[in-house]
């Protein structure tokens, strides 16, 4: 691809996807860094905020609802990590 196009960085597509099985509990992420929204489509994040994931936009941003503020919008995906729920198994 680099022979035909000098900078092909914009032309890649991630194969990662948010796995969801119908009826399961919603996925959540935890903010690992703070973020200030740059426009009305985005939401603020504080370190430790829990975000309910609505989807990945494949452009570095995901859509979700900040559980602390109740606002829904876009946020930078790299500033969050998956929140795992660990339960005891008898």
PDB file of N, CA and C in Angstrom:
ATOM      1  N   UNK A   1       0.823  -1.187   0.000  1.00  0.00           N
ATOM      2  CA  UNK A   1       0.000   0.000   0.000  1.00  0.00           C
ATOM      3  C   UNK A   1       0.871   1.257   0.000  1.00  0.00           C
ATOM      4  N   UNK A   2       2.031   1.227   0.636  1.00  0.00           N
ATOM      5  CA  UNK A   2       2.864   2.421   0.706  1.00  0.00           C
ATOM      6  C   UNK A   2       3.470   2.784  -0.639  1.00  0.00           C
ATOM      7  N   UNK A   3       3.528   1.827  -1.565  1.00  0.00           N
ATOM      8  CA  UNK A   3       4.048   2.133  -2.886  1.00  0.00           C
ATOM      9  C   UNK A   3       3.057   3.012  -3.643  1.00  0.00           C
ATOM     10  N   UNK A   4       1.779   2.712  -3.523  1.00  0.00           N
ATOM     11  CA  UNK A   4       0.750   3.484  -4.222  1.00  0.00           C
ATOM     12  C   UNK A   4       0.370   4.757  -3.486  1.00  0.00           C
ATOM     13  N   UNK A   5       0.419   4.731  -2.165  1.00  0.00           N
ATOM     14  CA  UNK A   5      -0.025   5.871  -1.361  1.00  0.00           C
ATOM     15  C   UNK A   5       1.072   6.194  -0.353  1.00  0.00           C
ATOM     16  N   UNK A   6       1.597   7.398  -0.399  1.00  0.00           N
ATOM     17  CA  UNK A   6       2.697   7.781   0.480  1.00  0.00           C
ATOM     18  C   UNK A   6       2.392   7.610   1.953  1.00  0.00           C
ATOM     19  N   UNK A   7       1.266   8.135   2.406  1.00  0.00           N
ATOM     20  CA  UNK A   7       0.877   8.010   3.807  1.00  0.00           C
ATOM     21  C   UNK A   7      -0.475   7.319   3.868  1.00  0.00           C
ATOM     22  N   UNK A   8      -0.449   6.025   4.146  1.00  0.00           N
ATOM     23  CA  UNK A   8      -1.681   5.235   4.166  1.00  0.00           C
ATOM     24  C   UNK A   8      -2.260   5.117   5.569  1.00  0.00           C
ATOM     25  N   UNK A   9      -1.775   5.914   6.512  1.00  0.00           N
ATOM     26  CA  UNK A   9      -2.227   5.825   7.893  1.00  0.00           C
ATOM     27  C   UNK A   9      -3.716   6.057   8.078  1.00  0.00           C
ATOM     28  N   UNK A  10      -4.329   6.848   7.199  1.00  0.00           N
ATOM     29  CA  UNK A  10      -5.764   7.130   7.319  1.00  0.00           C
ATOM     30  C   UNK A  10      -6.635   6.017   6.745  1.00  0.00           C
ATOM     31  N   UNK A  11      -6.028   5.069   6.074  1.00  0.00           N
ATOM     32  CA  UNK A  11      -6.803   4.067   5.350  1.00  0.00           C
ATOM     33  C   UNK A  11      -6.898   2.715   6.052  1.00  0.00           C
ATOM     34  N   UNK A  12      -6.445   2.628   7.287  1.00  0.00           N
ATOM     35  CA  UNK A  12      -6.548   1.351   7.985  1.00  0.00           C
ATOM     36  C   UNK A  12      -7.899   1.263   8.688  1.00  0.00           C
ATOM     37  N   UNK A  13      -8.344   0.055   8.938  1.00  0.00           N
ATOM     38  CA  UNK A  13      -9.579  -0.182   9.683  1.00  0.00           C
ATOM     39  C   UNK A  13      -9.307  -1.242  10.739  1.00  0.00           C
ATOM     40  N   UNK A  14      -9.611  -0.945  11.968  1.00  0.00           N
ATOM     41  CA  UNK A  14      -9.403  -1.878  13.063  1.00  0.00           C
ATOM     42  C   UNK A  14     -10.391  -3.032  12.962  1.00  0.00           C
ATOM     43  N   UNK A  15      -9.911  -4.215  13.299  1.00  0.00           N
ATOM     44  CA  UNK A  15     -10.783  -5.385  13.339  1.00  0.00           C
ATOM     45  C   UNK A  15     -11.352  -5.599  14.731  1.00  0.00           C
ATOM     46  N   UNK A  16     -10.893  -4.811  15.701  1.00  0.00           N
ATOM     47  CA  UNK A  16     -11.409  -4.914  17.064  1.00  0.00           C
ATOM     48  C   UNK A  16     -12.852  -4.431  17.092  1.00  0.00           C
ATOM     49  N   UNK A  17     -13.648  -5.089  17.874  1.00  0.00           N
ATOM     50  CA  UNK A  17     -15.030  -4.671  18.026  1.00  0.00           C
ATOM     51  C   UNK A  17     -15.452  -4.920  19.462  1.00  0.00           C
ATOM     52  N   UNK A  18     -16.458  -4.218  19.890  1.00  0.00           N
ATOM     53  CA  UNK A  18     -16.995  -4.420  21.222  1.00  0.00           C
ATOM     54  C   UNK A  18     -17.897  -5.640  21.158  1.00  0.00           C
ATOM     55  N   UNK A  19     -17.526  -6.670  21.898  1.00  0.00           N
ATOM     56  CA  UNK A  19     -18.306  -7.904  21.889  1.00  0.00           C
ATOM     57  C   UNK A  19     -19.549  -7.718  22.746  1.00  0.00           C
ATOM     58  N   UNK A  20     -20.682  -8.098  22.216  1.00  0.00           N
ATOM     59  CA  UNK A  20     -21.923  -8.021  22.980  1.00  0.00           C
ATOM     60  C   UNK A  20     -22.798  -9.205  22.614  1.00  0.00           C
ATOM     61  N   UNK A  21     -23.232  -9.918  23.618  1.00  0.00           N
ATOM     62  CA  UNK A  21     -24.158 -11.027  23.435  1.00  0.00           C
ATOM     63  C   UNK A  21     -25.505 -10.580  23.974  1.00  0.00           C
ATOM     64  N   UNK A  22     -26.558 -10.678  23.175  1.00  0.00           N
ATOM     65  CA  UNK A  22     -27.875 -10.193  23.563  1.00  0.00           C
ATOM     66  C   UNK A  22     -28.312 -10.662  24.944  1.00  0.00           C
ATOM     67  N   UNK A  23     -28.731  -9.732  25.780  1.00  0.00           N
ATOM     68  CA  UNK A  23     -29.212 -10.057  27.105  1.00  0.00           C
ATOM     69  C   UNK A  23     -28.167  -9.985  28.199  1.00  0.00           C
ATOM     70  N   UNK A  24     -26.905  -9.828  27.825  1.00  0.00           N
ATOM     71  CA  UNK A  24     -25.866  -9.753  28.862  1.00  0.00           C
ATOM     72  C   UNK A  24     -25.823  -8.362  29.478  1.00  0.00           C
ATOM     73  N   UNK A  25     -25.083  -8.230  30.571  1.00  0.00           N
ATOM     74  CA  UNK A  25     -24.927  -6.928  31.202  1.00  0.00           C
ATOM     75  C   UNK A  25     -24.173  -5.989  30.266  1.00  0.00           C
ATOM     76  N   UNK A  26     -24.455  -4.714  30.389  1.00  0.00           N
ATOM     77  CA  UNK A  26     -23.809  -3.714  29.537  1.00  0.00           C
ATOM     78  C   UNK A  26     -22.310  -3.639  29.819  1.00  0.00           C
ATOM     79  N   UNK A  27     -21.546  -3.320  28.781  1.00  0.00           N
ATOM     80  CA  UNK A  27     -20.107  -3.113  28.942  1.00  0.00           C
ATOM     81  C   UNK A  27     -19.871  -1.731  29.522  1.00  0.00           C
ATOM     82  N   UNK A  28     -18.865  -1.647  30.361  1.00  0.00           N
ATOM     83  CA  UNK A  28     -18.488  -0.352  30.924  1.00  0.00           C
ATOM     84  C   UNK A  28     -16.979  -0.200  30.841  1.00  0.00           C
ATOM     85  N   UNK A  29     -16.554   1.050  30.798  1.00  0.00           N
ATOM     86  CA  UNK A  29     -15.140   1.378  30.816  1.00  0.00           C
ATOM     87  C   UNK A  29     -14.885   2.357  31.947  1.00  0.00           C
ATOM     88  N   UNK A  30     -13.622   2.443  32.364  1.00  0.00           N
ATOM     89  CA  UNK A  30     -13.208   3.365  33.411  1.00  0.00           C
ATOM     90  C   UNK A  30     -12.198   4.333  32.810  1.00  0.00           C
ATOM     91  N   UNK A  31     -12.370   5.619  33.072  1.00  0.00           N
ATOM     92  CA  UNK A  31     -11.436   6.631  32.572  1.00  0.00           C
ATOM     93  C   UNK A  31     -10.115   6.521  33.325  1.00  0.00           C
ATOM     94  N   UNK A  32      -9.012   6.452  32.575  1.00  0.00           N
ATOM     95  CA  UNK A  32      -7.686   6.402  33.189  1.00  0.00           C
ATOM     96  C   UNK A  32      -6.993   7.759  33.121  1.00  0.00           C
ATOM     97  N   UNK A  33      -7.579   8.685  32.365  1.00  0.00           N
ATOM     98  CA  UNK A  33      -7.083  10.057  32.258  1.00  0.00           C
ATOM     99  C   UNK A  33      -8.278  10.997  32.152  1.00  0.00           C
ATOM    100  N   UNK A  34      -8.097  12.220  32.597  1.00  0.00           N
ATOM    101  CA  UNK A  34      -9.151  13.234  32.463  1.00  0.00           C
ATOM    102  C   UNK A  34      -9.200  13.741  31.029  1.00  0.00           C
ATOM    103  N   UNK A  35     -10.344  14.278  30.642  1.00  0.00           N
ATOM    104  CA  UNK A  35     -10.517  14.843  29.299  1.00  0.00           C
ATOM    105  C   UNK A  35     -11.561  15.947  29.364  1.00  0.00           C
ATOM    106  N   UNK A  36     -11.290  17.063  28.717  1.00  0.00           N
ATOM    107  CA  UNK A  36     -12.239  18.177  28.609  1.00  0.00           C
ATOM    108  C   UNK A  36     -12.843  18.170  27.213  1.00  0.00           C
ATOM    109  N   UNK A  37     -14.168  18.138  27.141  1.00  0.00           N
ATOM    110  CA  UNK A  37     -14.870  18.134  25.853  1.00  0.00           C
ATOM    111  C   UNK A  37     -14.480  19.363  25.045  1.00  0.00           C
ATOM    112  N   UNK A  38     -14.255  19.153  23.742  1.00  0.00           N
ATOM    113  CA  UNK A  38     -13.880  20.245  22.846  1.00  0.00           C
ATOM    114  C   UNK A  38     -15.059  20.773  22.044  1.00  0.00           C
ATOM    115  N   UNK A  39     -16.193  20.068  22.068  1.00  0.00           N
ATOM    116  CA  UNK A  39     -17.404  20.557  21.401  1.00  0.00           C
ATOM    117  C   UNK A  39     -18.622  19.909  22.065  1.00  0.00           C
ATOM    118  N   UNK A  40     -19.802  20.254  21.599  1.00  0.00           N
ATOM    119  CA  UNK A  40     -21.046  19.791  22.229  1.00  0.00           C
ATOM    120  C   UNK A  40     -21.318  18.298  22.051  1.00  0.00           C
ATOM    121  N   UNK A  41     -20.645  17.656  21.082  1.00  0.00           N
ATOM    122  CA  UNK A  41     -20.845  16.223  20.851  1.00  0.00           C
ATOM    123  C   UNK A  41     -20.042  15.359  21.817  1.00  0.00           C
ATOM    124  N   UNK A  42     -19.105  15.969  22.538  1.00  0.00           N
ATOM    125  CA  UNK A  42     -18.203  15.224  23.413  1.00  0.00           C
ATOM    126  C   UNK A  42     -18.594  15.380  24.881  1.00  0.00           C
ATOM    127  N   UNK A  43     -18.059  14.479  25.720  1.00  0.00           N
ATOM    128  CA  UNK A  43     -18.323  14.540  27.162  1.00  0.00           C
ATOM    129  C   UNK A  43     -17.005  14.673  27.922  1.00  0.00           C
ATOM    130  N   UNK A  44     -17.079  15.314  29.094  1.00  0.00           N
ATOM    131  CA  UNK A  44     -15.927  15.429  29.987  1.00  0.00           C
ATOM    132  C   UNK A  44     -15.705  14.105  30.705  1.00  0.00           C
ATOM    133  N   UNK A  45     -14.430  13.820  30.991  1.00  0.00           N
ATOM    134  CA  UNK A  45     -14.070  12.653  31.787  1.00  0.00           C
ATOM    135  C   UNK A  45     -13.159  13.088  32.922  1.00  0.00           C
ATOM    136  N   UNK A  46     -13.364  12.524  34.078  1.00  0.00           N
ATOM    137  CA  UNK A  46     -12.437  12.651  35.202  1.00  0.00           C
ATOM    138  C   UNK A  46     -11.869  11.262  35.452  1.00  0.00           C
ATOM    139  N   UNK A  47     -10.619  11.202  35.871  1.00  0.00           N
ATOM    140  CA  UNK A  47     -10.001   9.911  36.150  1.00  0.00           C
ATOM    141  C   UNK A  47     -10.877   9.137  37.141  1.00  0.00           C
ATOM    142  N   UNK A  48     -11.206   7.895  36.797  1.00  0.00           N
ATOM    143  CA  UNK A  48     -12.049   7.059  37.644  1.00  0.00           C
ATOM    144  C   UNK A  48     -13.511   7.033  37.238  1.00  0.00           C
ATOM    145  N   UNK A  49     -13.940   7.933  36.337  1.00  0.00           N
ATOM    146  CA  UNK A  49     -15.331   7.918  35.872  1.00  0.00           C
ATOM    147  C   UNK A  49     -15.650   6.591  35.184  1.00  0.00           C
ATOM    148  N   UNK A  50     -16.867   6.116  35.382  1.00  0.00           N
ATOM    149  CA  UNK A  50     -17.343   4.900  34.721  1.00  0.00           C
ATOM    150  C   UNK A  50     -18.210   5.327  33.545  1.00  0.00           C
ATOM    151  N   UNK A  51     -17.926   4.747  32.373  1.00  0.00           N
ATOM    152  CA  UNK A  51     -18.647   5.099  31.150  1.00  0.00           C
ATOM    153  C   UNK A  51     -19.354   3.858  30.619  1.00  0.00           C
ATOM    154  N   UNK A  52     -20.653   3.965  30.378  1.00  0.00           N
ATOM    155  CA  UNK A  52     -21.412   2.895  29.732  1.00  0.00           C
ATOM    156  C   UNK A  52     -21.211   3.013  28.233  1.00  0.00           C
ATOM    157  N   UNK A  53     -20.727   1.964  27.601  1.00  0.00           N
ATOM    158  CA  UNK A  53     -20.361   2.013  26.186  1.00  0.00           C
ATOM    159  C   UNK A  53     -21.593   1.861  25.300  1.00  0.00           C
ATOM    160  N   UNK A  54     -21.746   2.788  24.349  1.00  0.00           N
ATOM    161  CA  UNK A  54     -22.825   2.694  23.365  1.00  0.00           C
ATOM    162  C   UNK A  54     -22.292   2.250  22.010  1.00  0.00           C
ATOM    163  N   UNK A  55     -20.988   2.443  21.752  1.00  0.00           N
ATOM    164  CA  UNK A  55     -20.413   2.017  20.483  1.00  0.00           C
ATOM    165  C   UNK A  55     -19.086   2.681  20.198  1.00  0.00           C
ATOM    166  N   UNK A  56     -18.339   2.076  19.275  1.00  0.00           N
ATOM    167  CA  UNK A  56     -17.050   2.597  18.843  1.00  0.00           C
ATOM    168  C   UNK A  56     -17.234   3.268  17.485  1.00  0.00           C
ATOM    169  N   UNK A  57     -16.679   4.450  17.307  1.00  0.00           N
ATOM    170  CA  UNK A  57     -16.843   5.174  16.042  1.00  0.00           C
ATOM    171  C   UNK A  57     -15.699   4.940  15.068  1.00  0.00           C
ATOM    172  N   UNK A  58     -14.692   4.156  15.441  1.00  0.00           N
ATOM    173  CA  UNK A  58     -13.574   3.764  14.586  1.00  0.00           C
ATOM    174  C   UNK A  58     -12.737   4.940  14.108  1.00  0.00           C
ATOM    175  N   UNK A  59     -12.775   6.043  14.826  1.00  0.00           N
ATOM    176  CA  UNK A  59     -11.951   7.201  14.468  1.00  0.00           C
ATOM    177  C   UNK A  59     -11.178   7.699  15.686  1.00  0.00           C
ATOM    178  N   UNK A  60     -11.005   6.819  16.675  1.00  0.00           N
ATOM    179  CA  UNK A  60     -10.335   7.207  17.906  1.00  0.00           C
ATOM    180  C   UNK A  60     -11.300   7.599  19.011  1.00  0.00           C
ATOM    181  N   UNK A  61     -12.574   7.712  18.679  1.00  0.00           N
ATOM    182  CA  UNK A  61     -13.589   8.086  19.664  1.00  0.00           C
ATOM    183  C   UNK A  61     -14.623   6.977  19.814  1.00  0.00           C
ATOM    184  N   UNK A  62     -15.168   6.881  21.005  1.00  0.00           N
ATOM    185  CA  UNK A  62     -16.282   5.977  21.285  1.00  0.00           C
ATOM    186  C   UNK A  62     -17.437   6.810  21.814  1.00  0.00           C
ATOM    187  N   UNK A  63     -18.632   6.259  21.749  1.00  0.00           N
ATOM    188  CA  UNK A  63     -19.797   6.947  22.291  1.00  0.00           C
ATOM    189  C   UNK A  63     -20.226   6.226  23.552  1.00  0.00           C
ATOM    190  N   UNK A  64     -20.573   6.998  24.567  1.00  0.00           N
ATOM    191  CA  UNK A  64     -20.997   6.388  25.813  1.00  0.00           C
ATOM    192  C   UNK A  64     -21.632   7.395  26.748  1.00  0.00           C
ATOM    193  N   UNK A  65     -22.086   6.881  27.887  1.00  0.00           N
ATOM    194  CA  UNK A  65     -22.731   7.717  28.899  1.00  0.00           C
ATOM    195  C   UNK A  65     -21.862   7.737  30.144  1.00  0.00           C
ATOM    196  N   UNK A  66     -21.478   8.941  30.566  1.00  0.00           N
ATOM    197  CA  UNK A  66     -20.709   9.097  31.793  1.00  0.00           C
ATOM    198  C   UNK A  66     -21.667   8.881  32.958  1.00  0.00           C
ATOM    199  N   UNK A  67     -21.436   7.838  33.746  1.00  0.00           N
ATOM    200  CA  UNK A  67     -22.344   7.499  34.845  1.00  0.00           C
ATOM    201  C   UNK A  67     -22.327   8.557  35.946  1.00  0.00           C
ATOM    202  N   UNK A  68     -21.223   9.303  36.084  1.00  0.00           N
ATOM    203  CA  UNK A  68     -21.140  10.336  37.125  1.00  0.00           C
ATOM    204  C   UNK A  68     -21.974  11.556  36.754  1.00  0.00           C
ATOM    205  N   UNK A  69     -21.868  12.010  35.503  1.00  0.00           N
ATOM    206  CA  UNK A  69     -22.554  13.236  35.088  1.00  0.00           C
ATOM    207  C   UNK A  69     -23.906  12.977  34.435  1.00  0.00           C
ATOM    208  N   UNK A  70     -24.107  11.763  33.917  1.00  0.00           N
ATOM    209  CA  UNK A  70     -25.347  11.449  33.219  1.00  0.00           C
ATOM    210  C   UNK A  70     -25.371  11.918  31.776  1.00  0.00           C
ATOM    211  N   UNK A  71     -24.278  12.523  31.299  1.00  0.00           N
ATOM    212  CA  UNK A  71     -24.226  13.017  29.914  1.00  0.00           C
ATOM    213  C   UNK A  71     -23.782  11.919  28.961  1.00  0.00           C
ATOM    214  N   UNK A  72     -24.339  11.942  27.756  1.00  0.00           N
ATOM    215  CA  UNK A  72     -23.982  11.003  26.703  1.00  0.00           C
ATOM    216  C   UNK A  72     -23.276  11.754  25.590  1.00  0.00           C
ATOM    217  N   UNK A  73     -22.204  11.159  25.058  1.00  0.00           N
ATOM    218  CA  UNK A  73     -21.480  11.788  23.964  1.00  0.00           C
ATOM    219  C   UNK A  73     -20.225  11.014  23.622  1.00  0.00           C
ATOM    220  N   UNK A  74     -19.385  11.637  22.802  1.00  0.00           N
ATOM    221  CA  UNK A  74     -18.144  11.017  22.357  1.00  0.00           C
ATOM    222  C   UNK A  74     -17.018  11.297  23.340  1.00  0.00           C
ATOM    223  N   UNK A  75     -16.076  10.369  23.420  1.00  0.00           N
ATOM    224  CA  UNK A  75     -14.886  10.537  24.255  1.00  0.00           C
ATOM    225  C   UNK A  75     -13.732   9.778  23.593  1.00  0.00           C
ATOM    226  N   UNK A  76     -12.472  10.205  23.836  1.00  0.00           N
ATOM    227  CA  UNK A  76     -11.332   9.509  23.235  1.00  0.00           C
ATOM    228  C   UNK A  76     -11.180   8.105  23.830  1.00  0.00           C
ATOM    229  N   UNK A  77     -11.186   7.113  22.982  1.00  0.00           N
ATOM    230  CA  UNK A  77     -11.148   5.718  23.425  1.00  0.00           C
ATOM    231  C   UNK A  77      -9.893   5.393  24.224  1.00  0.00           C
ATOM    232  N   UNK A  78      -8.764   5.999  23.868  1.00  0.00           N
ATOM    233  CA  UNK A  78      -7.505   5.647  24.526  1.00  0.00           C
ATOM    234  C   UNK A  78      -7.423   6.144  25.970  1.00  0.00           C
ATOM    235  N   UNK A  79      -8.345   6.980  26.386  1.00  0.00           N
ATOM    236  CA  UNK A  79      -8.339   7.481  27.765  1.00  0.00           C
ATOM    237  C   UNK A  79      -9.156   6.599  28.705  1.00  0.00           C
ATOM    238  N   UNK A  80      -9.627   5.461  28.208  1.00  0.00           N
ATOM    239  CA  UNK A  80     -10.425   4.543  29.033  1.00  0.00           C
ATOM    240  C   UNK A  80      -9.899   3.121  28.908  1.00  0.00           C
ATOM    241  N   UNK A  81     -10.265   2.304  29.876  1.00  0.00           N
ATOM    242  CA  UNK A  81      -9.947   0.877  29.871  1.00  0.00           C
ATOM    243  C   UNK A  81     -11.211   0.110  30.233  1.00  0.00           C
ATOM    244  N   UNK A  82     -11.279  -1.121  29.771  1.00  0.00           N
ATOM    245  CA  UNK A  82     -12.427  -1.980  30.070  1.00  0.00           C
ATOM    246  C   UNK A  82     -12.565  -2.164  31.580  1.00  0.00           C
ATOM    247  N   UNK A  83     -13.803  -2.119  32.058  1.00  0.00           N
ATOM    248  CA  UNK A  83     -14.080  -2.388  33.474  1.00  0.00           C
ATOM    249  C   UNK A  83     -14.518  -3.843  33.579  1.00  0.00           C
ATOM    250  N   UNK A  84     -13.759  -4.614  34.328  1.00  0.00           N
ATOM    251  CA  UNK A  84     -14.062  -6.031  34.484  1.00  0.00           C
ATOM    252  C   UNK A  84     -14.813  -6.263  35.785  1.00  0.00           C
ATOM    253  N   UNK A  85     -15.791  -7.134  35.730  1.00  0.00           N
ATOM    254  CA  UNK A  85     -16.535  -7.525  36.923  1.00  0.00           C
ATOM    255  C   UNK A  85     -16.068  -8.932  37.292  1.00  0.00           C
ATOM    256  N   UNK A  86     -15.453  -9.054  38.448  1.00  0.00           N
ATOM    257  CA  UNK A  86     -14.927 -10.339  38.900  1.00  0.00           C
ATOM    258  C   UNK A  86     -15.827 -10.859  40.019  1.00  0.00           C
ATOM    259  N   UNK A  87     -16.282 -12.071  39.869  1.00  0.00           N
ATOM    260  CA  UNK A  87     -17.153 -12.674  40.885  1.00  0.00           C
ATOM    261  C   UNK A  87     -16.527 -13.972  41.374  1.00  0.00           C
ATOM    262  N   UNK A  88     -16.819 -14.324  42.606  1.00  0.00           N
ATOM    263  CA  UNK A  88     -16.344 -15.591  43.155  1.00  0.00           C
ATOM    264  C   UNK A  88     -17.092 -16.740  42.494  1.00  0.00           C
ATOM    265  N   UNK A  89     -16.365 -17.783  42.230  1.00  0.00           N
ATOM    266  CA  UNK A  89     -16.971 -18.975  41.653  1.00  0.00           C
ATOM    267  C   UNK A  89     -16.804 -20.115  42.652  1.00  0.00           C
ATOM    268  N   UNK A  90     -17.895 -20.710  43.066  1.00  0.00           N
ATOM    269  CA  UNK A  90     -17.797 -21.742  44.115  1.00  0.00           C
ATOM    270  C   UNK A  90     -16.968 -22.944  43.722  1.00  0.00           C
TER     271      UNK A  90
END
